């Protein structure tokens, strides 16, 4: 029983993806520079380096800025 639990924990640790350390991010466009020096969109970078998934929407500030004719 203890061996089974240990095996399960070892398997879970191998599958775990964690972002850690410093991420170089452009202060203007918010692109992330990876360890190879390539610039990536932040959502793509996070999806490739974690288990996170994104949905997209438009916040009220951007809606007003980019679609000024809308209420």
PDB file of N, CA and C in Angstrom:
ATOM      1  N   UNK A   1       0.823  -1.197   0.000  1.00  0.00           N
ATOM      2  CA  UNK A   1       0.000   0.000   0.000  1.00  0.00           C
ATOM      3  C   UNK A   1       0.868   1.263   0.000  1.00  0.00           C
ATOM      4  N   UNK A   2       1.888   1.297   0.846  1.00  0.00           N
ATOM      5  CA  UNK A   2       2.800   2.432   0.884  1.00  0.00           C
ATOM      6  C   UNK A   2       3.562   2.537  -0.436  1.00  0.00           C
ATOM      7  N   UNK A   3       3.949   1.392  -0.995  1.00  0.00           N
ATOM      8  CA  UNK A   3       4.672   1.395  -2.259  1.00  0.00           C
ATOM      9  C   UNK A   3       3.808   1.949  -3.386  1.00  0.00           C
ATOM     10  N   UNK A   4       2.497   1.588  -3.372  1.00  0.00           N
ATOM     11  CA  UNK A   4       1.583   2.102  -4.390  1.00  0.00           C
ATOM     12  C   UNK A   4       1.471   3.621  -4.298  1.00  0.00           C
ATOM     13  N   UNK A   5       1.336   4.115  -3.081  1.00  0.00           N
ATOM     14  CA  UNK A   5       1.206   5.565  -2.874  1.00  0.00           C
ATOM     15  C   UNK A   5       2.484   6.282  -3.303  1.00  0.00           C
ATOM     16  N   UNK A   6       3.630   5.706  -2.989  1.00  0.00           N
ATOM     17  CA  UNK A   6       4.909   6.291  -3.393  1.00  0.00           C
ATOM     18  C   UNK A   6       5.021   6.337  -4.909  1.00  0.00           C
ATOM     19  N   UNK A   7       4.626   5.266  -5.568  1.00  0.00           N
ATOM     20  CA  UNK A   7       4.651   5.233  -7.036  1.00  0.00           C
ATOM     21  C   UNK A   7       3.735   6.291  -7.627  1.00  0.00           C
ATOM     22  N   UNK A   8       2.566   6.470  -7.042  1.00  0.00           N
ATOM     23  CA  UNK A   8       1.628   7.491  -7.516  1.00  0.00           C
ATOM     24  C   UNK A   8       2.223   8.885  -7.358  1.00  0.00           C
ATOM     25  N   UNK A   9       2.866   9.147  -6.238  1.00  0.00           N
ATOM     26  CA  UNK A   9       3.473  10.459  -6.011  1.00  0.00           C
ATOM     27  C   UNK A   9       4.631  10.717  -6.954  1.00  0.00           C
ATOM     28  N   UNK A  10       5.443   9.713  -7.206  1.00  0.00           N
ATOM     29  CA  UNK A  10       6.559   9.858  -8.148  1.00  0.00           C
ATOM     30  C   UNK A  10       6.031  10.148  -9.546  1.00  0.00           C
ATOM     31  N   UNK A  11       4.999   9.451  -9.954  1.00  0.00           N
ATOM     32  CA  UNK A  11       4.387   9.681 -11.272  1.00  0.00           C
ATOM     33  C   UNK A  11       3.831  11.102 -11.362  1.00  0.00           C
ATOM     34  N   UNK A  12       3.149  11.562 -10.307  1.00  0.00           N
ATOM     35  CA  UNK A  12       2.582  12.911 -10.305  1.00  0.00           C
ATOM     36  C   UNK A  12       3.673  13.966 -10.397  1.00  0.00           C
ATOM     37  N   UNK A  13       4.779  13.784  -9.698  1.00  0.00           N
ATOM     38  CA  UNK A  13       5.883  14.736  -9.766  1.00  0.00           C
ATOM     39  C   UNK A  13       6.495  14.797 -11.156  1.00  0.00           C
ATOM     40  N   UNK A  14       6.580  13.675 -11.842  1.00  0.00           N
ATOM     41  CA  UNK A  14       7.128  13.656 -13.197  1.00  0.00           C
ATOM     42  C   UNK A  14       6.225  14.406 -14.172  1.00  0.00           C
ATOM     43  N   UNK A  15       4.918  14.398 -13.925  1.00  0.00           N
ATOM     44  CA  UNK A  15       3.966  15.048 -14.817  1.00  0.00           C
ATOM     45  C   UNK A  15       3.774  16.526 -14.507  1.00  0.00           C
ATOM     46  N   UNK A  16       4.245  16.974 -13.368  1.00  0.00           N
ATOM     47  CA  UNK A  16       4.051  18.350 -12.928  1.00  0.00           C
ATOM     48  C   UNK A  16       4.917  19.305 -13.739  1.00  0.00           C
ATOM     49  N   UNK A  17       4.286  20.359 -14.250  1.00  0.00           N
ATOM     50  CA  UNK A  17       5.012  21.413 -14.939  1.00  0.00           C
ATOM     51  C   UNK A  17       4.845  22.675 -14.105  1.00  0.00           C
ATOM     52  N   UNK A  18       5.951  23.296 -13.744  1.00  0.00           N
ATOM     53  CA  UNK A  18       5.910  24.489 -12.916  1.00  0.00           C
ATOM     54  C   UNK A  18       6.735  25.583 -13.561  1.00  0.00           C
ATOM     55  N   UNK A  19       6.160  26.775 -13.654  1.00  0.00           N
ATOM     56  CA  UNK A  19       6.929  27.932 -14.092  1.00  0.00           C
ATOM     57  C   UNK A  19       7.635  28.494 -12.873  1.00  0.00           C
ATOM     58  N   UNK A  20       8.922  28.775 -13.012  1.00  0.00           N
ATOM     59  CA  UNK A  20       9.644  29.373 -11.897  1.00  0.00           C
ATOM     60  C   UNK A  20      10.776  30.213 -12.443  1.00  0.00           C
ATOM     61  N   UNK A  21      11.287  31.073 -11.613  1.00  0.00           N
ATOM     62  CA  UNK A  21      12.380  31.935 -12.020  1.00  0.00           C
ATOM     63  C   UNK A  21      11.867  33.234 -12.627  1.00  0.00           C
ATOM     64  N   UNK A  22      12.761  33.950 -13.262  1.00  0.00           N
ATOM     65  CA  UNK A  22      12.428  35.223 -13.889  1.00  0.00           C
ATOM     66  C   UNK A  22      12.048  35.012 -15.342  1.00  0.00           C
ATOM     67  N   UNK A  23      11.002  35.695 -15.775  1.00  0.00           N
ATOM     68  CA  UNK A  23      10.595  35.668 -17.186  1.00  0.00           C
ATOM     69  C   UNK A  23      10.822  37.053 -17.764  1.00  0.00           C
ATOM     70  N   UNK A  24      11.739  37.185 -18.731  1.00  0.00           N
ATOM     71  CA  UNK A  24      11.929  38.489 -19.377  1.00  0.00           C
ATOM     72  C   UNK A  24      10.688  38.833 -20.199  1.00  0.00           C
ATOM     73  N   UNK A  25      10.076  39.971 -19.899  1.00  0.00           N
ATOM     74  CA  UNK A  25       8.852  40.386 -20.585  1.00  0.00           C
ATOM     75  C   UNK A  25       9.019  41.812 -21.095  1.00  0.00           C
ATOM     76  N   UNK A  26       8.589  42.058 -22.322  1.00  0.00           N
ATOM     77  CA  UNK A  26       8.643  43.394 -22.903  1.00  0.00           C
ATOM     78  C   UNK A  26       7.638  44.289 -22.173  1.00  0.00           C
ATOM     79  N   UNK A  27       8.085  45.434 -21.733  1.00  0.00           N
ATOM     80  CA  UNK A  27       7.201  46.327 -20.983  1.00  0.00           C
ATOM     81  C   UNK A  27       6.155  46.997 -21.868  1.00  0.00           C
ATOM     82  N   UNK A  28       6.303  46.885 -23.182  1.00  0.00           N
ATOM     83  CA  UNK A  28       5.328  47.495 -24.082  1.00  0.00           C
ATOM     84  C   UNK A  28       4.321  46.479 -24.626  1.00  0.00           C
ATOM     85  N   UNK A  29       4.822  45.442 -25.283  1.00  0.00           N
ATOM     86  CA  UNK A  29       3.907  44.508 -25.951  1.00  0.00           C
ATOM     87  C   UNK A  29       3.631  43.248 -25.132  1.00  0.00           C
ATOM     88  N   UNK A  30       4.334  43.067 -24.017  1.00  0.00           N
ATOM     89  CA  UNK A  30       4.143  41.930 -23.099  1.00  0.00           C
ATOM     90  C   UNK A  30       4.560  40.583 -23.698  1.00  0.00           C
ATOM     91  N   UNK A  31       5.435  40.606 -24.715  1.00  0.00           N
ATOM     92  CA  UNK A  31       5.987  39.353 -25.246  1.00  0.00           C
ATOM     93  C   UNK A  31       7.012  38.827 -24.236  1.00  0.00           C
ATOM     94  N   UNK A  32       7.151  37.491 -24.168  1.00  0.00           N
ATOM     95  CA  UNK A  32       8.071  36.822 -23.256  1.00  0.00           C
ATOM     96  C   UNK A  32       9.267  36.300 -24.046  1.00  0.00           C
ATOM     97  N   UNK A  33      10.489  36.529 -23.525  1.00  0.00           N
ATOM     98  CA  UNK A  33      11.684  35.991 -24.172  1.00  0.00           C
ATOM     99  C   UNK A  33      12.018  34.649 -23.534  1.00  0.00           C
ATOM    100  N   UNK A  34      12.123  33.608 -24.357  1.00  0.00           N
ATOM    101  CA  UNK A  34      12.424  32.280 -23.818  1.00  0.00           C
ATOM    102  C   UNK A  34      13.929  32.093 -23.646  1.00  0.00           C
ATOM    103  N   UNK A  35      14.324  30.915 -23.181  1.00  0.00           N
ATOM    104  CA  UNK A  35      15.736  30.647 -22.899  1.00  0.00           C
ATOM    105  C   UNK A  35      16.602  30.553 -24.155  1.00  0.00           C
ATOM    106  N   UNK A  36      15.964  30.519 -25.331  1.00  0.00           N
ATOM    107  CA  UNK A  36      16.712  30.511 -26.597  1.00  0.00           C
ATOM    108  C   UNK A  36      16.798  31.905 -27.207  1.00  0.00           C
ATOM    109  N   UNK A  37      16.221  32.902 -26.533  1.00  0.00           N
ATOM    110  CA  UNK A  37      16.255  34.273 -27.032  1.00  0.00           C
ATOM    111  C   UNK A  37      15.115  34.639 -27.956  1.00  0.00           C
ATOM    112  N   UNK A  38      14.174  33.710 -28.167  1.00  0.00           N
ATOM    113  CA  UNK A  38      13.021  33.981 -29.028  1.00  0.00           C
ATOM    114  C   UNK A  38      11.915  34.663 -28.236  1.00  0.00           C
ATOM    115  N   UNK A  39      11.200  35.560 -28.899  1.00  0.00           N
ATOM    116  CA  UNK A  39      10.092  36.265 -28.257  1.00  0.00           C
ATOM    117  C   UNK A  39       8.785  35.555 -28.590  1.00  0.00           C
ATOM    118  N   UNK A  40       7.962  35.321 -27.568  1.00  0.00           N
ATOM    119  CA  UNK A  40       6.700  34.585 -27.703  1.00  0.00           C
ATOM    120  C   UNK A  40       5.567  35.377 -27.071  1.00  0.00           C
ATOM    121  N   UNK A  41       4.376  35.212 -27.620  1.00  0.00           N
ATOM    122  CA  UNK A  41       3.202  35.794 -26.971  1.00  0.00           C
ATOM    123  C   UNK A  41       3.053  35.138 -25.604  1.00  0.00           C
ATOM    124  N   UNK A  42       2.661  35.924 -24.613  1.00  0.00           N
ATOM    125  CA  UNK A  42       2.634  35.429 -23.239  1.00  0.00           C
ATOM    126  C   UNK A  42       1.721  34.217 -23.073  1.00  0.00           C
ATOM    127  N   UNK A  43       0.561  34.221 -23.729  1.00  0.00           N
ATOM    128  CA  UNK A  43      -0.347  33.087 -23.574  1.00  0.00           C
ATOM    129  C   UNK A  43       0.239  31.812 -24.187  1.00  0.00           C
ATOM    130  N   UNK A  44       0.902  31.938 -25.325  1.00  0.00           N
ATOM    131  CA  UNK A  44       1.525  30.780 -25.964  1.00  0.00           C
ATOM    132  C   UNK A  44       2.645  30.240 -25.075  1.00  0.00           C
ATOM    133  N   UNK A  45       3.464  31.145 -24.545  1.00  0.00           N
ATOM    134  CA  UNK A  45       4.570  30.718 -23.685  1.00  0.00           C
ATOM    135  C   UNK A  45       4.052  29.963 -22.461  1.00  0.00           C
ATOM    136  N   UNK A  46       3.053  30.506 -21.810  1.00  0.00           N
ATOM    137  CA  UNK A  46       2.519  29.858 -20.605  1.00  0.00           C
ATOM    138  C   UNK A  46       1.874  28.520 -20.946  1.00  0.00           C
ATOM    139  N   UNK A  47       1.132  28.431 -22.041  1.00  0.00           N
ATOM    140  CA  UNK A  47       0.534  27.151 -22.426  1.00  0.00           C
ATOM    141  C   UNK A  47       1.595  26.102 -22.723  1.00  0.00           C
ATOM    142  N   UNK A  48       2.740  26.522 -23.307  1.00  0.00           N
ATOM    143  CA  UNK A  48       3.811  25.582 -23.635  1.00  0.00           C
ATOM    144  C   UNK A  48       4.642  25.167 -22.427  1.00  0.00           C
ATOM    145  N   UNK A  49       4.580  25.930 -21.348  1.00  0.00           N
ATOM    146  CA  UNK A  49       5.416  25.652 -20.190  1.00  0.00           C
ATOM    147  C   UNK A  49       4.629  25.337 -18.925  1.00  0.00           C
ATOM    148  N   UNK A  50       3.340  25.108 -19.053  1.00  0.00           N
ATOM    149  CA  UNK A  50       2.515  24.758 -17.895  1.00  0.00           C
ATOM    150  C   UNK A  50       1.296  23.987 -18.386  1.00  0.00           C
ATOM    151  N   UNK A  51       0.432  23.668 -17.464  1.00  0.00           N
ATOM    152  CA  UNK A  51      -0.810  22.985 -17.814  1.00  0.00           C
ATOM    153  C   UNK A  51      -1.960  23.980 -17.994  1.00  0.00           C
ATOM    154  N   UNK A  52      -1.667  25.274 -17.931  1.00  0.00           N
ATOM    155  CA  UNK A  52      -2.702  26.305 -18.058  1.00  0.00           C
ATOM    156  C   UNK A  52      -3.212  26.377 -19.491  1.00  0.00           C
ATOM    157  N   UNK A  53      -4.483  26.674 -19.624  1.00  0.00           N
ATOM    158  CA  UNK A  53      -5.099  26.941 -20.919  1.00  0.00           C
ATOM    159  C   UNK A  53      -5.774  28.304 -20.825  1.00  0.00           C
ATOM    160  N   UNK A  54      -5.926  28.972 -21.939  1.00  0.00           N
ATOM    161  CA  UNK A  54      -6.488  30.313 -21.950  1.00  0.00           C
ATOM    162  C   UNK A  54      -7.802  30.363 -22.724  1.00  0.00           C
ATOM    163  N   UNK A  55      -8.657  31.254 -22.284  1.00  0.00           N
ATOM    164  CA  UNK A  55      -9.796  31.682 -23.077  1.00  0.00           C
ATOM    165  C   UNK A  55      -9.575  33.172 -23.292  1.00  0.00           C
ATOM    166  N   UNK A  56     -10.138  33.714 -24.321  1.00  0.00           N
ATOM    167  CA  UNK A  56      -9.891  35.119 -24.622  1.00  0.00           C
ATOM    168  C   UNK A  56     -11.177  35.919 -24.590  1.00  0.00           C
ATOM    169  N   UNK A  57     -11.046  37.148 -24.196  1.00  0.00           N
ATOM    170  CA  UNK A  57     -12.143  38.097 -24.163  1.00  0.00           C
ATOM    171  C   UNK A  57     -11.553  39.490 -24.324  1.00  0.00           C
ATOM    172  N   UNK A  58     -12.367  40.498 -24.124  1.00  0.00           N
ATOM    173  CA  UNK A  58     -11.907  41.884 -24.215  1.00  0.00           C
ATOM    174  C   UNK A  58     -12.354  42.598 -22.947  1.00  0.00           C
ATOM    175  N   UNK A  59     -11.380  43.188 -22.239  1.00  0.00           N
ATOM    176  CA  UNK A  59     -11.713  43.926 -21.017  1.00  0.00           C
ATOM    177  C   UNK A  59     -12.400  45.238 -21.393  1.00  0.00           C
ATOM    178  N   UNK A  60     -13.110  45.862 -20.464  1.00  0.00           N
ATOM    179  CA  UNK A  60     -13.830  47.111 -20.773  1.00  0.00           C
ATOM    180  C   UNK A  60     -12.926  48.231 -21.297  1.00  0.00           C
ATOM    181  N   UNK A  61     -11.718  48.342 -20.766  1.00  0.00           N
ATOM    182  CA  UNK A  61     -10.800  49.392 -21.211  1.00  0.00           C
ATOM    183  C   UNK A  61     -10.410  49.194 -22.677  1.00  0.00           C
ATOM    184  N   UNK A  62     -10.080  47.965 -23.059  1.00  0.00           N
ATOM    185  CA  UNK A  62      -9.707  47.687 -24.451  1.00  0.00           C
ATOM    186  C   UNK A  62     -10.908  47.778 -25.381  1.00  0.00           C
ATOM    187  N   UNK A  63     -12.070  47.379 -24.900  1.00  0.00           N
ATOM    188  CA  UNK A  63     -13.281  47.498 -25.709  1.00  0.00           C
ATOM    189  C   UNK A  63     -13.512  48.954 -26.094  1.00  0.00           C
ATOM    190  N   UNK A  64     -13.378  49.852 -25.119  1.00  0.00           N
ATOM    191  CA  UNK A  64     -13.579  51.281 -25.371  1.00  0.00           C
ATOM    192  C   UNK A  64     -12.505  51.831 -26.308  1.00  0.00           C
ATOM    193  N   UNK A  65     -11.246  51.376 -26.126  1.00  0.00           N
ATOM    194  CA  UNK A  65     -10.136  51.885 -26.938  1.00  0.00           C
ATOM    195  C   UNK A  65     -10.208  51.386 -28.380  1.00  0.00           C
ATOM    196  N   UNK A  66     -10.473  50.112 -28.567  1.00  0.00           N
ATOM    197  CA  UNK A  66     -10.406  49.500 -29.906  1.00  0.00           C
ATOM    198  C   UNK A  66     -11.746  49.461 -30.634  1.00  0.00           C
ATOM    199  N   UNK A  67     -12.828  49.596 -29.913  1.00  0.00           N
ATOM    200  CA  UNK A  67     -14.171  49.604 -30.502  1.00  0.00           C
ATOM    201  C   UNK A  67     -14.969  50.765 -29.927  1.00  0.00           C
ATOM    202  N   UNK A  68     -14.560  51.988 -30.208  1.00  0.00           N
ATOM    203  CA  UNK A  68     -15.186  53.167 -29.583  1.00  0.00           C
ATOM    204  C   UNK A  68     -16.658  53.379 -29.950  1.00  0.00           C
ATOM    205  N   UNK A  69     -17.118  52.797 -31.024  1.00  0.00           N
ATOM    206  CA  UNK A  69     -18.514  52.965 -31.440  1.00  0.00           C
ATOM    207  C   UNK A  69     -19.463  52.105 -30.612  1.00  0.00           C
ATOM    208  N   UNK A  70     -18.931  51.129 -29.884  1.00  0.00           N
ATOM    209  CA  UNK A  70     -19.762  50.226 -29.098  1.00  0.00           C
ATOM    210  C   UNK A  70     -20.068  50.845 -27.736  1.00  0.00           C
ATOM    211  N   UNK A  71     -21.214  50.494 -27.160  1.00  0.00           N
ATOM    212  CA  UNK A  71     -21.561  51.051 -25.827  1.00  0.00           C
ATOM    213  C   UNK A  71     -20.671  50.531 -24.723  1.00  0.00           C
TER     214      UNK A  71
END
